[in-house]
């Protein structure tokens, strides 16, 4: 059976999860969904961060709506990424940088308030512990 170029194009778009080329052809909507899910957020949570309704998030993720420049900035800010990271395909991006937990950050703040000699002693202890774990 012969198919037309339009049908081939549509079938290729709907079957993006089956081939290694899928990530290279990731749409902006698919990228939005992936980035949202990587953060463990629902569409409702992302919509609240953006000040829009959930159905718009769904429409953007399904590529039913096209992002205008203002929305690109809003999405990037909400997702804590650059606009380049939002607009570039996954294979050209750097991996998502994991932020330190709030628990670790609080401890770091307390360490920074210690006198310098105590900071150095504590850092040597931590380095020794980490060296033992790695080996």
C-alpha atoms as a PDB file:
ATOM      1  CA  UNK A   1       0.000   0.000   0.000  1.00  0.00           C
ATOM      2  CA  UNK A   2       1.343   3.411  -0.976  1.00  0.00           C
ATOM      3  CA  UNK A   3       1.252   6.346   1.435  1.00  0.00           C
ATOM      4  CA  UNK A   4       1.444  10.025   0.788  1.00  0.00           C
ATOM      5  CA  UNK A   5       4.213  12.266   2.192  1.00  0.00           C
ATOM      6  CA  UNK A   6       1.725  13.958   4.546  1.00  0.00           C
ATOM      7  CA  UNK A   7       0.716  10.602   6.070  1.00  0.00           C
ATOM      8  CA  UNK A   8       4.368   9.612   6.466  1.00  0.00           C
ATOM      9  CA  UNK A   9       5.061  12.914   8.249  1.00  0.00           C
ATOM     10  CA  UNK A  10       2.085  12.534  10.617  1.00  0.00           C
ATOM     11  CA  UNK A  11       2.947   8.912  11.406  1.00  0.00           C
ATOM     12  CA  UNK A  12       6.557   9.891  12.130  1.00  0.00           C
ATOM     13  CA  UNK A  13       5.373  12.608  14.540  1.00  0.00           C
ATOM     14  CA  UNK A  14       2.991  10.313  16.429  1.00  0.00           C
ATOM     15  CA  UNK A  15       5.529   7.498  16.718  1.00  0.00           C
ATOM     16  CA  UNK A  16       8.379   9.487  18.258  1.00  0.00           C
ATOM     17  CA  UNK A  17       9.006   7.192  21.242  1.00  0.00           C
ATOM     18  CA  UNK A  18      10.086   4.152  19.205  1.00  0.00           C
ATOM     19  CA  UNK A  19      13.395   5.252  17.724  1.00  0.00           C
ATOM     20  CA  UNK A  20      16.663   6.757  18.970  1.00  0.00           C
ATOM     21  CA  UNK A  21      15.976   9.723  16.689  1.00  0.00           C
ATOM     22  CA  UNK A  22      12.937  10.580  18.818  1.00  0.00           C
ATOM     23  CA  UNK A  23      14.923  12.742  21.221  1.00  0.00           C
ATOM     24  CA  UNK A  24      16.517  14.680  18.378  1.00  0.00           C
ATOM     25  CA  UNK A  25      13.087  15.481  16.967  1.00  0.00           C
ATOM     26  CA  UNK A  26      11.553  16.347  20.335  1.00  0.00           C
ATOM     27  CA  UNK A  27       9.010  19.122  19.907  1.00  0.00           C
ATOM     28  CA  UNK A  28       8.886  22.149  22.204  1.00  0.00           C
ATOM     29  CA  UNK A  29       5.686  20.760  23.708  1.00  0.00           C
ATOM     30  CA  UNK A  30       7.291  17.382  24.408  1.00  0.00           C
ATOM     31  CA  UNK A  31      10.264  19.200  25.903  1.00  0.00           C
ATOM     32  CA  UNK A  32       7.956  21.211  28.182  1.00  0.00           C
ATOM     33  CA  UNK A  33       6.271  18.020  29.361  1.00  0.00           C
ATOM     34  CA  UNK A  34       9.614  16.286  29.948  1.00  0.00           C
ATOM     35  CA  UNK A  35      11.067  19.218  31.897  1.00  0.00           C
ATOM     36  CA  UNK A  36       7.919  19.510  34.007  1.00  0.00           C
ATOM     37  CA  UNK A  37       7.946  15.783  34.776  1.00  0.00           C
ATOM     38  CA  UNK A  38      11.676  15.835  35.599  1.00  0.00           C
ATOM     39  CA  UNK A  39      10.795  18.286  38.359  1.00  0.00           C
ATOM     40  CA  UNK A  40       7.956  16.096  39.581  1.00  0.00           C
ATOM     41  CA  UNK A  41       5.314  18.750  38.894  1.00  0.00           C
ATOM     42  CA  UNK A  42       1.787  18.260  37.641  1.00  0.00           C
ATOM     43  CA  UNK A  43       0.318  20.437  34.929  1.00  0.00           C
ATOM     44  CA  UNK A  44      -1.780  22.117  37.625  1.00  0.00           C
ATOM     45  CA  UNK A  45       1.333  22.969  39.671  1.00  0.00           C
ATOM     46  CA  UNK A  46       3.124  24.423  36.660  1.00  0.00           C
ATOM     47  CA  UNK A  47       0.011  26.383  35.698  1.00  0.00           C
ATOM     48  CA  UNK A  48      -0.117  27.898  39.189  1.00  0.00           C
ATOM     49  CA  UNK A  49       3.537  28.945  38.920  1.00  0.00           C
ATOM     50  CA  UNK A  50       2.786  30.616  35.578  1.00  0.00           C
ATOM     51  CA  UNK A  51      -0.537  32.121  36.602  1.00  0.00           C
ATOM     52  CA  UNK A  52      -2.444  30.390  33.805  1.00  0.00           C
ATOM     53  CA  UNK A  53      -4.972  27.552  33.660  1.00  0.00           C
ATOM     54  CA  UNK A  54      -4.008  23.873  33.394  1.00  0.00           C
ATOM     55  CA  UNK A  55      -5.703  23.364  30.023  1.00  0.00           C
ATOM     56  CA  UNK A  56      -3.246  25.853  28.480  1.00  0.00           C
ATOM     57  CA  UNK A  57      -0.315  23.798  29.837  1.00  0.00           C
ATOM     58  CA  UNK A  58      -1.878  20.744  28.197  1.00  0.00           C
ATOM     59  CA  UNK A  59      -2.293  22.598  24.900  1.00  0.00           C
ATOM     60  CA  UNK A  60       1.332  23.811  24.947  1.00  0.00           C
ATOM     61  CA  UNK A  61       2.623  20.315  25.788  1.00  0.00           C
ATOM     62  CA  UNK A  62       0.601  18.763  22.958  1.00  0.00           C
ATOM     63  CA  UNK A  63       1.844  21.460  20.552  1.00  0.00           C
ATOM     64  CA  UNK A  64      -1.692  22.742  20.021  1.00  0.00           C
ATOM     65  CA  UNK A  65      -0.502  26.213  21.025  1.00  0.00           C
ATOM     66  CA  UNK A  66       2.746  27.794  19.944  1.00  0.00           C
ATOM     67  CA  UNK A  67       4.853  29.595  22.543  1.00  0.00           C
ATOM     68  CA  UNK A  68       5.207  33.315  21.973  1.00  0.00           C
ATOM     69  CA  UNK A  69       8.387  35.023  23.228  1.00  0.00           C
ATOM     70  CA  UNK A  70       6.770  36.216  26.466  1.00  0.00           C
ATOM     71  CA  UNK A  71       5.580  32.677  27.296  1.00  0.00           C
ATOM     72  CA  UNK A  72       9.012  31.238  26.487  1.00  0.00           C
ATOM     73  CA  UNK A  73      10.467  33.534  29.152  1.00  0.00           C
ATOM     74  CA  UNK A  74       7.703  32.703  31.648  1.00  0.00           C
ATOM     75  CA  UNK A  75       8.098  28.950  31.150  1.00  0.00           C
ATOM     76  CA  UNK A  76      11.895  29.150  31.403  1.00  0.00           C
ATOM     77  CA  UNK A  77      11.654  31.181  34.612  1.00  0.00           C
ATOM     78  CA  UNK A  78       9.092  28.804  36.143  1.00  0.00           C
ATOM     79  CA  UNK A  79      11.162  25.745  35.185  1.00  0.00           C
ATOM     80  CA  UNK A  80      14.365  27.453  36.400  1.00  0.00           C
ATOM     81  CA  UNK A  81      16.165  27.027  33.077  1.00  0.00           C
ATOM     82  CA  UNK A  82      17.390  29.329  30.336  1.00  0.00           C
ATOM     83  CA  UNK A  83      15.306  30.069  27.280  1.00  0.00           C
ATOM     84  CA  UNK A  84      18.001  28.295  25.242  1.00  0.00           C
ATOM     85  CA  UNK A  85      17.517  25.128  27.289  1.00  0.00           C
ATOM     86  CA  UNK A  86      13.794  25.327  26.637  1.00  0.00           C
ATOM     87  CA  UNK A  87      14.088  25.924  22.908  1.00  0.00           C
ATOM     88  CA  UNK A  88      17.057  23.666  22.050  1.00  0.00           C
ATOM     89  CA  UNK A  89      16.682  19.959  21.405  1.00  0.00           C
ATOM     90  CA  UNK A  90      17.812  17.592  24.155  1.00  0.00           C
ATOM     91  CA  UNK A  91      20.904  16.348  22.298  1.00  0.00           C
ATOM     92  CA  UNK A  92      22.364  19.875  22.135  1.00  0.00           C
ATOM     93  CA  UNK A  93      21.696  20.688  25.800  1.00  0.00           C
ATOM     94  CA  UNK A  94      23.875  20.220  28.825  1.00  0.00           C
ATOM     95  CA  UNK A  95      22.448  17.837  31.452  1.00  0.00           C
ATOM     96  CA  UNK A  96      20.064  19.292  34.029  1.00  0.00           C
ATOM     97  CA  UNK A  97      22.046  20.664  36.928  1.00  0.00           C
ATOM     98  CA  UNK A  98      20.882  19.246  40.217  1.00  0.00           C
ATOM     99  CA  UNK A  99      20.615  21.826  42.969  1.00  0.00           C
ATOM    100  CA  UNK A 100      21.810  21.043  46.501  1.00  0.00           C
ATOM    101  CA  UNK A 101      19.033  20.158  48.889  1.00  0.00           C
ATOM    102  CA  UNK A 102      17.765  22.744  51.335  1.00  0.00           C
ATOM    103  CA  UNK A 103      19.152  20.585  54.147  1.00  0.00           C
ATOM    104  CA  UNK A 104      22.670  20.750  52.685  1.00  0.00           C
ATOM    105  CA  UNK A 105      22.405  24.490  52.018  1.00  0.00           C
ATOM    106  CA  UNK A 106      21.411  25.168  55.630  1.00  0.00           C
ATOM    107  CA  UNK A 107      24.402  23.212  56.877  1.00  0.00           C
ATOM    108  CA  UNK A 108      26.720  25.087  54.516  1.00  0.00           C
ATOM    109  CA  UNK A 109      25.433  28.394  55.866  1.00  0.00           C
ATOM    110  CA  UNK A 110      26.152  27.238  59.415  1.00  0.00           C
ATOM    111  CA  UNK A 111      29.644  26.084  58.430  1.00  0.00           C
ATOM    112  CA  UNK A 112      30.383  29.470  56.839  1.00  0.00           C
ATOM    113  CA  UNK A 113      29.574  31.174  60.158  1.00  0.00           C
ATOM    114  CA  UNK A 114      32.237  29.122  61.975  1.00  0.00           C
ATOM    115  CA  UNK A 115      35.719  30.535  62.592  1.00  0.00           C
ATOM    116  CA  UNK A 116      38.127  29.772  59.725  1.00  0.00           C
ATOM    117  CA  UNK A 117      40.179  27.177  61.629  1.00  0.00           C
ATOM    118  CA  UNK A 118      36.996  25.250  62.528  1.00  0.00           C
ATOM    119  CA  UNK A 119      35.828  25.410  58.895  1.00  0.00           C
ATOM    120  CA  UNK A 120      39.171  23.952  57.743  1.00  0.00           C
ATOM    121  CA  UNK A 121      39.039  21.173  60.345  1.00  0.00           C
ATOM    122  CA  UNK A 122      35.489  20.276  59.387  1.00  0.00           C
ATOM    123  CA  UNK A 123      36.290  20.325  55.655  1.00  0.00           C
ATOM    124  CA  UNK A 124      39.305  18.029  56.220  1.00  0.00           C
ATOM    125  CA  UNK A 125      37.038  15.630  58.108  1.00  0.00           C
ATOM    126  CA  UNK A 126      34.457  15.691  55.302  1.00  0.00           C
ATOM    127  CA  UNK A 127      37.183  15.214  52.651  1.00  0.00           C
ATOM    128  CA  UNK A 128      38.603  12.237  54.586  1.00  0.00           C
ATOM    129  CA  UNK A 129      35.157  10.685  54.889  1.00  0.00           C
ATOM    130  CA  UNK A 130      34.425  11.167  51.183  1.00  0.00           C
ATOM    131  CA  UNK A 131      37.819   9.731  50.225  1.00  0.00           C
ATOM    132  CA  UNK A 132      37.037   6.618  52.289  1.00  0.00           C
ATOM    133  CA  UNK A 133      33.610   6.212  50.672  1.00  0.00           C
ATOM    134  CA  UNK A 134      34.980   6.587  47.132  1.00  0.00           C
ATOM    135  CA  UNK A 135      37.717   3.979  47.624  1.00  0.00           C
END
